Amino acid sequence: MHPQTVPSPGSPHRKDAPASKRRITTELLIVFGLSLGQSGVYAIVRLAEKLSRGPLAGQTTTLNPVLNERPYFDLTYQLLGIVFALVPVALVLFLLSGHSTSAVRRLGLTFEKPLRTIGFGVGLAAIIGVGTLGVYAAGRALGITTALVPAALDDYWWTIPVLILSALRHAVLEEVIVVGYLFIRLRQLGWSTPLIILTSSLVRGSYHLYQGFGPFIGNVLMGLLFASFYHRTHRVMPLVIAHALVDIAGFVGFALLGPAIGIGA
């Protein structure tokens, strides 16, 4: 009698591999359908609607708008929007966690070597900040970008804290999902590094299309830089820091100075 061959835990059956890949693909579709993939679809529809109205140069896109004319209901809606937007991040952390695996460490979402981590974040923010202004100016000059109003909240005691929380929300949501999580899962599907970087960048650009073609191009370039950085370092925290700093500067800077100096025109 021939002994039965028992596969080792690290060597799954050939039939299991396609099933595992199908499961990962389904998981990706669900996660992005609940988060940034959904945003991308809406952004495309919103861009089409704006193009049907007329030239993009004559239109305005408002970020962080007032959600209710009554101050404390507005605050409530703002905070609820921030909290629920982060639920997909919690889902991703859950999906990437295992019995002996910390999703936070797996993504590099930690402050190990804090000075270096912050230094990378500040450096990336400086590059992205200058690039963003240049791409926005070029897009406005070419008529392919709407006028952006980064913050339209009324002036209350909670306005600046909410804008900072909004910036942190965008930074954590985007960098964890569209860079760290996407990189890990597409790698498990056998995708090449250049294709993963390109896909991550195009996804990032897609959900900014509602602002016009200029922000799409700018965010694709940002995505190429951020995804390449993650590939080299496996650290998502510097990206979160950089993204948060750029958004805080834009949101809070506009709230404090924008109307006075004509930003967004």
C-alpha atoms as a PDB file:
ATOM      1  CA  MET A   1       0.000   0.000   0.000  1.00  0.00           C
ATOM      2  CA  HIS A   2       1.363   3.345  -0.984  1.00  0.00           C
ATOM      3  CA  PRO A   3       1.487   5.962   1.789  1.00  0.00           C
ATOM      4  CA  GLN A   4      -0.917   8.869   1.402  1.00  0.00           C
ATOM      5  CA  THR A   5       0.721  12.129   0.388  1.00  0.00           C
ATOM      6  CA  VAL A   6      -0.239  14.963   2.687  1.00  0.00           C
ATOM      7  CA  PRO A   7       0.501  18.456   1.349  1.00  0.00           C
ATOM      8  CA  SER A   8       2.385  20.759   3.662  1.00  0.00           C
ATOM      9  CA  PRO A   9       0.527  23.793   5.039  1.00  0.00           C
ATOM     10  CA  GLY A  10       2.702  26.096   2.957  1.00  0.00           C
ATOM     11  CA  SER A  11       1.988  24.252  -0.309  1.00  0.00           C
ATOM     12  CA  PRO A  12      -1.724  24.453  -1.172  1.00  0.00           C
ATOM     13  CA  HIS A  13      -3.374  22.215  -3.741  1.00  0.00           C
ATOM     14  CA  ARG A  14      -3.386  23.529  -7.291  1.00  0.00           C
ATOM     15  CA  LYS A  15      -7.176  23.721  -7.116  1.00  0.00           C
ATOM     16  CA  ASP A  16      -6.874  25.934  -4.027  1.00  0.00           C
ATOM     17  CA  ALA A  17      -4.742  28.575  -5.754  1.00  0.00           C
ATOM     18  CA  PRO A  18      -7.408  29.727  -8.276  1.00  0.00           C
ATOM     19  CA  ALA A  19      -9.996  29.669  -5.488  1.00  0.00           C
ATOM     20  CA  SER A  20      -7.739  31.840  -3.326  1.00  0.00           C
ATOM     21  CA  LYS A  21      -7.222  34.287  -6.173  1.00  0.00           C
ATOM     22  CA  ARG A  22     -10.957  34.459  -6.812  1.00  0.00           C
ATOM     23  CA  ARG A  23     -11.502  35.198  -3.145  1.00  0.00           C
ATOM     24  CA  ILE A  24      -8.892  37.977  -3.165  1.00  0.00           C
ATOM     25  CA  THR A  25     -10.397  39.466  -6.338  1.00  0.00           C
ATOM     26  CA  THR A  26     -13.877  39.407  -4.786  1.00  0.00           C
ATOM     27  CA  GLU A  27     -12.496  40.991  -1.611  1.00  0.00           C
ATOM     28  CA  LEU A  28     -10.857  43.774  -3.641  1.00  0.00           C
ATOM     29  CA  LEU A  29     -14.104  44.495  -5.475  1.00  0.00           C
ATOM     30  CA  ILE A  30     -16.037  44.667  -2.198  1.00  0.00           C
ATOM     31  CA  VAL A  31     -13.507  46.900  -0.430  1.00  0.00           C
ATOM     32  CA  PHE A  32     -13.219  49.321  -3.331  1.00  0.00           C
ATOM     33  CA  GLY A  33     -16.958  49.168  -3.963  1.00  0.00           C
ATOM     34  CA  LEU A  34     -17.439  50.406  -0.415  1.00  0.00           C
ATOM     35  CA  SER A  35     -14.757  53.080  -0.598  1.00  0.00           C
ATOM     36  CA  LEU A  36     -12.538  54.648  -3.246  1.00  0.00           C
ATOM     37  CA  GLY A  37     -13.764  52.592  -6.183  1.00  0.00           C
ATOM     38  CA  GLN A  38     -17.254  53.887  -5.497  1.00  0.00           C
ATOM     39  CA  SER A  39     -15.828  57.410  -5.276  1.00  0.00           C
ATOM     40  CA  GLY A  40     -14.139  56.901  -8.642  1.00  0.00           C
ATOM     41  CA  VAL A  41     -17.395  55.911 -10.330  1.00  0.00           C
ATOM     42  CA  TYR A  42     -19.227  58.902  -8.860  1.00  0.00           C
ATOM     43  CA  ALA A  43     -16.344  61.188  -9.872  1.00  0.00           C
ATOM     44  CA  ILE A  44     -16.608  60.049 -13.496  1.00  0.00           C
ATOM     45  CA  VAL A  45     -20.366  60.668 -13.521  1.00  0.00           C
ATOM     46  CA  ARG A  46     -19.930  64.075 -11.886  1.00  0.00           C
ATOM     47  CA  LEU A  47     -17.286  65.011 -14.467  1.00  0.00           C
ATOM     48  CA  ALA A  48     -19.608  63.974 -17.302  1.00  0.00           C
ATOM     49  CA  GLU A  49     -22.382  66.083 -15.772  1.00  0.00           C
ATOM     50  CA  LYS A  50     -20.074  69.098 -15.519  1.00  0.00           C
ATOM     51  CA  LEU A  51     -18.886  68.690 -19.104  1.00  0.00           C
ATOM     52  CA  SER A  52     -22.517  68.608 -20.226  1.00  0.00           C
ATOM     53  CA  ARG A  53     -23.044  71.993 -18.556  1.00  0.00           C
ATOM     54  CA  GLY A  54     -20.191  73.775 -20.305  1.00  0.00           C
ATOM     55  CA  PRO A  55     -16.440  74.463 -20.051  1.00  0.00           C
ATOM     56  CA  LEU A  56     -14.771  73.297 -16.840  1.00  0.00           C
ATOM     57  CA  ALA A  57     -12.942  76.616 -16.528  1.00  0.00           C
ATOM     58  CA  GLY A  58     -16.192  78.367 -15.656  1.00  0.00           C
ATOM     59  CA  GLN A  59     -17.263  75.927 -12.958  1.00  0.00           C
ATOM     60  CA  THR A  60     -16.409  75.564  -9.273  1.00  0.00           C
ATOM     61  CA  THR A  61     -15.830  72.503  -7.107  1.00  0.00           C
ATOM     62  CA  THR A  62     -16.263  72.908  -3.356  1.00  0.00           C
ATOM     63  CA  LEU A  63     -14.487  70.632  -0.910  1.00  0.00           C
ATOM     64  CA  ASN A  64     -15.641  70.462   2.707  1.00  0.00           C
ATOM     65  CA  PRO A  65     -18.996  72.198   2.110  1.00  0.00           C
ATOM     66  CA  VAL A  66     -21.571  73.150   4.722  1.00  0.00           C
ATOM     67  CA  LEU A  67     -23.834  70.137   5.341  1.00  0.00           C
ATOM     68  CA  ASN A  68     -26.509  71.870   7.383  1.00  0.00           C
ATOM     69  CA  GLU A  69     -27.350  75.516   7.946  1.00  0.00           C
ATOM     70  CA  ARG A  70     -27.712  74.939  11.703  1.00  0.00           C
ATOM     71  CA  PRO A  71     -24.197  74.976  13.251  1.00  0.00           C
ATOM     72  CA  TYR A  72     -24.359  71.996  15.596  1.00  0.00           C
ATOM     73  CA  PHE A  73     -26.175  69.810  13.099  1.00  0.00           C
ATOM     74  CA  ASP A  74     -23.533  70.801  10.567  1.00  0.00           C
ATOM     75  CA  LEU A  75     -20.842  69.749  13.061  1.00  0.00           C
ATOM     76  CA  THR A  76     -22.656  66.469  13.677  1.00  0.00           C
ATOM     77  CA  TYR A  77     -22.894  65.666   9.979  1.00  0.00           C
ATOM     78  CA  GLN A  78     -19.239  66.615   9.433  1.00  0.00           C
ATOM     79  CA  LEU A  79     -18.055  64.290  12.211  1.00  0.00           C
ATOM     80  CA  LEU A  80     -20.317  61.447  11.116  1.00  0.00           C
ATOM     81  CA  GLY A  81     -18.973  61.751   7.574  1.00  0.00           C
ATOM     82  CA  ILE A  82     -15.400  61.523   8.834  1.00  0.00           C
ATOM     83  CA  VAL A  83     -16.075  58.531  11.094  1.00  0.00           C
ATOM     84  CA  PHE A  84     -18.031  56.483   8.554  1.00  0.00           C
ATOM     85  CA  ALA A  85     -15.494  57.226   5.797  1.00  0.00           C
ATOM     86  CA  LEU A  86     -12.903  55.423   7.918  1.00  0.00           C
ATOM     87  CA  VAL A  87     -14.944  52.220   8.296  1.00  0.00           C
ATOM     88  CA  PRO A  88     -13.382  50.723   5.120  1.00  0.00           C
ATOM     89  CA  VAL A  89      -9.974  51.298   6.714  1.00  0.00           C
ATOM     90  CA  ALA A  90     -11.095  49.274   9.729  1.00  0.00           C
ATOM     91  CA  LEU A  91     -12.315  46.572   7.345  1.00  0.00           C
ATOM     92  CA  VAL A  92      -8.960  46.473   5.555  1.00  0.00           C
ATOM     93  CA  LEU A  93      -7.051  46.247   8.839  1.00  0.00           C
ATOM     94  CA  PHE A  94      -9.312  43.366   9.853  1.00  0.00           C
ATOM     95  CA  LEU A  95      -8.836  41.550   6.550  1.00  0.00           C
ATOM     96  CA  LEU A  96      -5.056  41.907   6.641  1.00  0.00           C
ATOM     97  CA  SER A  97      -4.760  40.751  10.242  1.00  0.00           C
ATOM     98  CA  GLY A  98      -4.023  37.149  11.204  1.00  0.00           C
ATOM     99  CA  HIS A  99      -3.338  35.133  14.310  1.00  0.00           C
ATOM    100  CA  SER A 100       0.294  36.232  14.314  1.00  0.00           C
ATOM    101  CA  THR A 101       0.119  39.167  11.918  1.00  0.00           C
ATOM    102  CA  SER A 102      -0.478  42.806  12.784  1.00  0.00           C
ATOM    103  CA  ALA A 103      -2.052  44.641   9.852  1.00  0.00           C
ATOM    104  CA  VAL A 104      -0.689  47.925  11.184  1.00  0.00           C
ATOM    105  CA  ARG A 105       2.873  46.584  11.071  1.00  0.00           C
ATOM    106  CA  ARG A 106       2.270  44.793   7.791  1.00  0.00           C
ATOM    107  CA  LEU A 107       1.309  48.108   6.192  1.00  0.00           C
ATOM    108  CA  GLY A 108       4.044  50.078   7.908  1.00  0.00           C
ATOM    109  CA  LEU A 109       1.401  52.252   9.579  1.00  0.00           C
ATOM    110  CA  THR A 110       3.616  52.824  12.614  1.00  0.00           C
ATOM    111  CA  PHE A 111       5.973  55.449  13.994  1.00  0.00           C
ATOM    112  CA  GLU A 112       9.040  53.225  14.088  1.00  0.00           C
ATOM    113  CA  LYS A 113      12.090  55.473  13.704  1.00  0.00           C
ATOM    114  CA  PRO A 114       9.835  58.527  14.229  1.00  0.00           C
ATOM    115  CA  LEU A 115      12.315  61.198  13.107  1.00  0.00           C
ATOM    116  CA  ARG A 116      12.970  59.388   9.843  1.00  0.00           C
ATOM    117  CA  THR A 117       9.265  58.691   9.331  1.00  0.00           C
ATOM    118  CA  ILE A 118       8.298  62.329   9.903  1.00  0.00           C
ATOM    119  CA  GLY A 119      11.232  63.520   7.800  1.00  0.00           C
ATOM    120  CA  PHE A 120      10.129  61.414   4.842  1.00  0.00           C
ATOM    121  CA  GLY A 121       6.566  62.665   5.297  1.00  0.00           C
ATOM    122  CA  VAL A 122       7.586  66.318   5.358  1.00  0.00           C
ATOM    123  CA  GLY A 123       9.851  65.855   2.343  1.00  0.00           C
ATOM    124  CA  LEU A 124       7.139  64.165   0.316  1.00  0.00           C
ATOM    125  CA  ALA A 125       4.662  66.862   1.361  1.00  0.00           C
ATOM    126  CA  ALA A 126       6.990  69.580   0.076  1.00  0.00           C
ATOM    127  CA  ILE A 127       7.326  67.847  -3.297  1.00  0.00           C
ATOM    128  CA  ILE A 128       3.586  67.199  -3.617  1.00  0.00           C
ATOM    129  CA  GLY A 129       2.649  70.682  -2.377  1.00  0.00           C
ATOM    130  CA  VAL A 130       4.734  72.458  -4.998  1.00  0.00           C
ATOM    131  CA  GLY A 131       3.621  70.025  -7.691  1.00  0.00           C
ATOM    132  CA  THR A 132      -0.043  70.428  -6.781  1.00  0.00           C
ATOM    133  CA  LEU A 133       0.098  74.208  -7.103  1.00  0.00           C
ATOM    134  CA  GLY A 134       1.855  73.912 -10.459  1.00  0.00           C
ATOM    135  CA  VAL A 135      -0.589  71.380 -11.880  1.00  0.00           C
ATOM    136  CA  TYR A 136      -3.570  73.376 -10.610  1.00  0.00           C
ATOM    137  CA  ALA A 137      -2.266  76.595 -12.181  1.00  0.00           C
ATOM    138  CA  ALA A 138      -1.574  74.827 -15.465  1.00  0.00           C
ATOM    139  CA  GLY A 139      -4.994  73.163 -15.444  1.00  0.00           C
ATOM    140  CA  ARG A 140      -6.750  76.462 -14.853  1.00  0.00           C
ATOM    141  CA  ALA A 141      -4.733  78.126 -17.623  1.00  0.00           C
ATOM    142  CA  LEU A 142      -5.641  75.315 -20.042  1.00  0.00           C
ATOM    143  CA  GLY A 143      -9.290  75.331 -18.991  1.00  0.00           C
ATOM    144  CA  ILE A 144      -9.313  71.650 -17.941  1.00  0.00           C
ATOM    145  CA  THR A 145      -9.696  72.211 -14.180  1.00  0.00           C
ATOM    146  CA  THR A 146     -12.582  73.675 -12.233  1.00  0.00           C
ATOM    147  CA  ALA A 147     -11.959  76.425  -9.697  1.00  0.00           C
ATOM    148  CA  LEU A 148     -11.386  74.710  -6.350  1.00  0.00           C
ATOM    149  CA  VAL A 149     -12.721  75.967  -3.038  1.00  0.00           C
ATOM    150  CA  PRO A 150     -10.914  73.773  -0.456  1.00  0.00           C
ATOM    151  CA  ALA A 151     -13.117  74.820   2.458  1.00  0.00           C
ATOM    152  CA  ALA A 152     -16.542  76.434   2.557  1.00  0.00           C
ATOM    153  CA  LEU A 153     -17.460  75.905   6.198  1.00  0.00           C
ATOM    154  CA  ASP A 154     -18.852  78.817   8.162  1.00  0.00           C
ATOM    155  CA  ASP A 155     -16.631  80.407  10.786  1.00  0.00           C
ATOM    156  CA  TYR A 156     -17.251  78.542  14.058  1.00  0.00           C
ATOM    157  CA  TRP A 157     -15.009  77.453  16.932  1.00  0.00           C
ATOM    158  CA  TRP A 158     -14.971  73.933  15.484  1.00  0.00           C
ATOM    159  CA  THR A 159     -14.205  74.842  11.857  1.00  0.00           C
ATOM    160  CA  ILE A 160     -10.408  74.429  11.977  1.00  0.00           C
ATOM    161  CA  PRO A 161     -10.479  71.180  14.047  1.00  0.00           C
ATOM    162  CA  VAL A 162     -12.996  69.673  11.627  1.00  0.00           C
ATOM    163  CA  LEU A 163     -10.885  70.659   8.612  1.00  0.00           C
ATOM    164  CA  ILE A 164      -7.844  69.028  10.224  1.00  0.00           C
ATOM    165  CA  LEU A 165      -9.844  65.866  10.933  1.00  0.00           C
ATOM    166  CA  SER A 166     -11.105  65.912   7.349  1.00  0.00           C
ATOM    167  CA  ALA A 167      -7.530  66.092   6.070  1.00  0.00           C
ATOM    168  CA  LEU A 168      -6.496  63.195   8.314  1.00  0.00           C
ATOM    169  CA  ARG A 169      -9.509  61.205   7.098  1.00  0.00           C
ATOM    170  CA  HIS A 170      -8.478  61.595   3.462  1.00  0.00           C
ATOM    171  CA  ALA A 171      -4.846  60.775   4.223  1.00  0.00           C
ATOM    172  CA  VAL A 172      -5.538  57.588   6.170  1.00  0.00           C
ATOM    173  CA  LEU A 173      -8.296  56.337   3.853  1.00  0.00           C
ATOM    174  CA  GLU A 174      -6.407  56.867   0.620  1.00  0.00           C
ATOM    175  CA  GLU A 175      -2.918  55.774   1.620  1.00  0.00           C
ATOM    176  CA  VAL A 176      -3.989  52.686   3.541  1.00  0.00           C
ATOM    177  CA  ILE A 177      -6.385  51.421   0.873  1.00  0.00           C
ATOM    178  CA  VAL A 178      -5.105  52.649  -2.495  1.00  0.00           C
ATOM    179  CA  VAL A 179      -1.434  52.063  -1.678  1.00  0.00           C
ATOM    180  CA  GLY A 180      -0.764  49.613   1.166  1.00  0.00           C
ATOM    181  CA  TYR A 181      -3.776  47.302   0.900  1.00  0.00           C
ATOM    182  CA  LEU A 182      -3.901  47.355  -2.900  1.00  0.00           C
ATOM    183  CA  PHE A 183      -0.163  46.635  -3.133  1.00  0.00           C
ATOM    184  CA  ILE A 184      -0.431  43.603  -0.827  1.00  0.00           C
ATOM    185  CA  ARG A 185      -3.457  42.073  -2.512  1.00  0.00           C
ATOM    186  CA  LEU A 186      -2.327  42.633  -6.113  1.00  0.00           C
ATOM    187  CA  ARG A 187       1.056  41.151  -5.229  1.00  0.00           C
ATOM    188  CA  GLN A 188      -0.777  38.057  -3.970  1.00  0.00           C
ATOM    189  CA  LEU A 189      -2.556  37.880  -7.325  1.00  0.00           C
ATOM    190  CA  GLY A 190       0.825  37.783  -9.053  1.00  0.00           C
ATOM    191  CA  TRP A 191       0.799  41.264 -10.570  1.00  0.00           C
ATOM    192  CA  SER A 192       4.124  42.857 -11.472  1.00  0.00           C
ATOM    193  CA  THR A 193       5.414  45.836  -9.504  1.00  0.00           C
ATOM    194  CA  PRO A 194       5.168  48.351 -12.416  1.00  0.00           C
ATOM    195  CA  LEU A 195       1.561  47.298 -13.078  1.00  0.00           C
ATOM    196  CA  ILE A 196       0.642  47.621  -9.393  1.00  0.00           C
ATOM    197  CA  ILE A 197       2.182  51.097  -9.210  1.00  0.00           C
ATOM    198  CA  LEU A 198       0.348  52.190 -12.368  1.00  0.00           C
ATOM    199  CA  THR A 199      -2.971  50.745 -11.167  1.00  0.00           C
ATOM    200  CA  SER A 200      -2.665  52.422  -7.765  1.00  0.00           C
ATOM    201  CA  SER A 201      -1.909  55.739  -9.458  1.00  0.00           C
ATOM    202  CA  LEU A 202      -4.813  55.519 -11.908  1.00  0.00           C
ATOM    203  CA  VAL A 203      -7.242  54.619  -9.124  1.00  0.00           C
ATOM    204  CA  ARG A 204      -6.018  57.640  -7.142  1.00  0.00           C
ATOM    205  CA  GLY A 205      -6.521  59.879 -10.141  1.00  0.00           C
ATOM    206  CA  SER A 206      -9.979  58.471 -10.912  1.00  0.00           C
ATOM    207  CA  TYR A 207     -11.703  59.639  -7.739  1.00  0.00           C
ATOM    208  CA  HIS A 208     -10.402  63.184  -8.283  1.00  0.00           C
ATOM    209  CA  LEU A 209     -11.883  63.486 -11.781  1.00  0.00           C
ATOM    210  CA  TYR A 210     -14.867  65.462 -10.469  1.00  0.00           C
ATOM    211  CA  GLN A 211     -12.408  68.362 -10.052  1.00  0.00           C
ATOM    212  CA  GLY A 212     -11.382  68.221 -13.716  1.00  0.00           C
ATOM    213  CA  PHE A 213      -8.628  66.658 -15.791  1.00  0.00           C
ATOM    214  CA  GLY A 214      -5.832  68.652 -14.160  1.00  0.00           C
ATOM    215  CA  PRO A 215      -6.354  67.126 -10.696  1.00  0.00           C
ATOM    216  CA  PHE A 216      -6.618  63.694 -12.333  1.00  0.00           C
ATOM    217  CA  ILE A 217      -3.186  64.136 -13.909  1.00  0.00           C
ATOM    218  CA  GLY A 218      -1.729  65.632 -10.745  1.00  0.00           C
ATOM    219  CA  ASN A 219      -2.998  62.798  -8.567  1.00  0.00           C
ATOM    220  CA  VAL A 220      -1.762  60.155 -10.991  1.00  0.00           C
ATOM    221  CA  LEU A 221       1.716  61.700 -10.718  1.00  0.00           C
ATOM    222  CA  MET A 222       1.360  61.815  -6.931  1.00  0.00           C
ATOM    223  CA  GLY A 223       0.302  58.178  -7.020  1.00  0.00           C
ATOM    224  CA  LEU A 224       3.354  57.165  -9.023  1.00  0.00           C
ATOM    225  CA  LEU A 225       5.611  58.818  -6.440  1.00  0.00           C
ATOM    226  CA  PHE A 226       3.766  57.440  -3.412  1.00  0.00           C
ATOM    227  CA  ALA A 227       3.413  53.887  -4.747  1.00  0.00           C
ATOM    228  CA  SER A 228       7.086  53.803  -5.752  1.00  0.00           C
ATOM    229  CA  PHE A 229       8.046  55.019  -2.275  1.00  0.00           C
ATOM    230  CA  TYR A 230       5.911  52.322  -0.665  1.00  0.00           C
ATOM    231  CA  HIS A 231       7.453  49.654  -2.892  1.00  0.00           C
ATOM    232  CA  ARG A 232      10.921  50.649  -1.705  1.00  0.00           C
ATOM    233  CA  THR A 233      10.136  51.133   1.990  1.00  0.00           C
ATOM    234  CA  HIS A 234       6.958  49.120   2.734  1.00  0.00           C
ATOM    235  CA  ARG A 235       5.974  52.060   4.955  1.00  0.00           C
ATOM    236  CA  VAL A 236       2.610  53.736   4.557  1.00  0.00           C
ATOM    237  CA  MET A 237       2.930  56.116   7.534  1.00  0.00           C
ATOM    238  CA  PRO A 238       5.186  58.653   5.728  1.00  0.00           C
ATOM    239  CA  LEU A 239       2.577  58.785   2.967  1.00  0.00           C
ATOM    240  CA  VAL A 240      -0.192  59.432   5.491  1.00  0.00           C
ATOM    241  CA  ILE A 241       1.867  62.234   7.049  1.00  0.00           C
ATOM    242  CA  ALA A 242       2.663  63.817   3.676  1.00  0.00           C
ATOM    243  CA  HIS A 243      -0.935  63.630   2.457  1.00  0.00           C
ATOM    244  CA  ALA A 244      -2.274  65.024   5.733  1.00  0.00           C
ATOM    245  CA  LEU A 245       0.157  67.953   5.707  1.00  0.00           C
ATOM    246  CA  VAL A 246      -0.756  68.898   2.126  1.00  0.00           C
ATOM    247  CA  ASP A 247      -4.498  68.723   2.821  1.00  0.00           C
ATOM    248  CA  ILE A 248      -4.253  70.566   6.136  1.00  0.00           C
ATOM    249  CA  ALA A 249      -2.297  73.346   4.449  1.00  0.00           C
ATOM    250  CA  GLY A 250      -4.899  73.560   1.690  1.00  0.00           C
ATOM    251  CA  PHE A 251      -8.018  73.317   3.853  1.00  0.00           C
ATOM    252  CA  VAL A 252      -6.917  75.406   6.820  1.00  0.00           C
ATOM    253  CA  GLY A 253      -4.909  77.848   4.713  1.00  0.00           C
ATOM    254  CA  PHE A 254      -7.946  78.566   2.551  1.00  0.00           C
ATOM    255  CA  ALA A 255     -10.239  78.889   5.569  1.00  0.00           C
ATOM    256  CA  LEU A 256      -7.908  81.450   7.106  1.00  0.00           C
ATOM    257  CA  LEU A 257      -6.511  83.276   4.063  1.00  0.00           C
ATOM    258  CA  GLY A 258      -8.131  82.063   0.875  1.00  0.00           C
ATOM    259  CA  PRO A 259     -11.017  84.515   0.502  1.00  0.00           C
ATOM    260  CA  ALA A 260      -8.724  87.423   1.385  1.00  0.00           C
ATOM    261  CA  ILE A 261      -6.060  86.597  -1.196  1.00  0.00           C
ATOM    262  CA  GLY A 262      -8.297  85.153  -3.889  1.00  0.00           C
ATOM    263  CA  ILE A 263      -7.262  81.489  -3.735  1.00  0.00           C
ATOM    264  CA  GLY A 264      -9.581  79.342  -5.799  1.00  0.00           C
ATOM    265  CA  ALA A 265     -10.129  81.959  -8.468  1.00  0.00           C
END
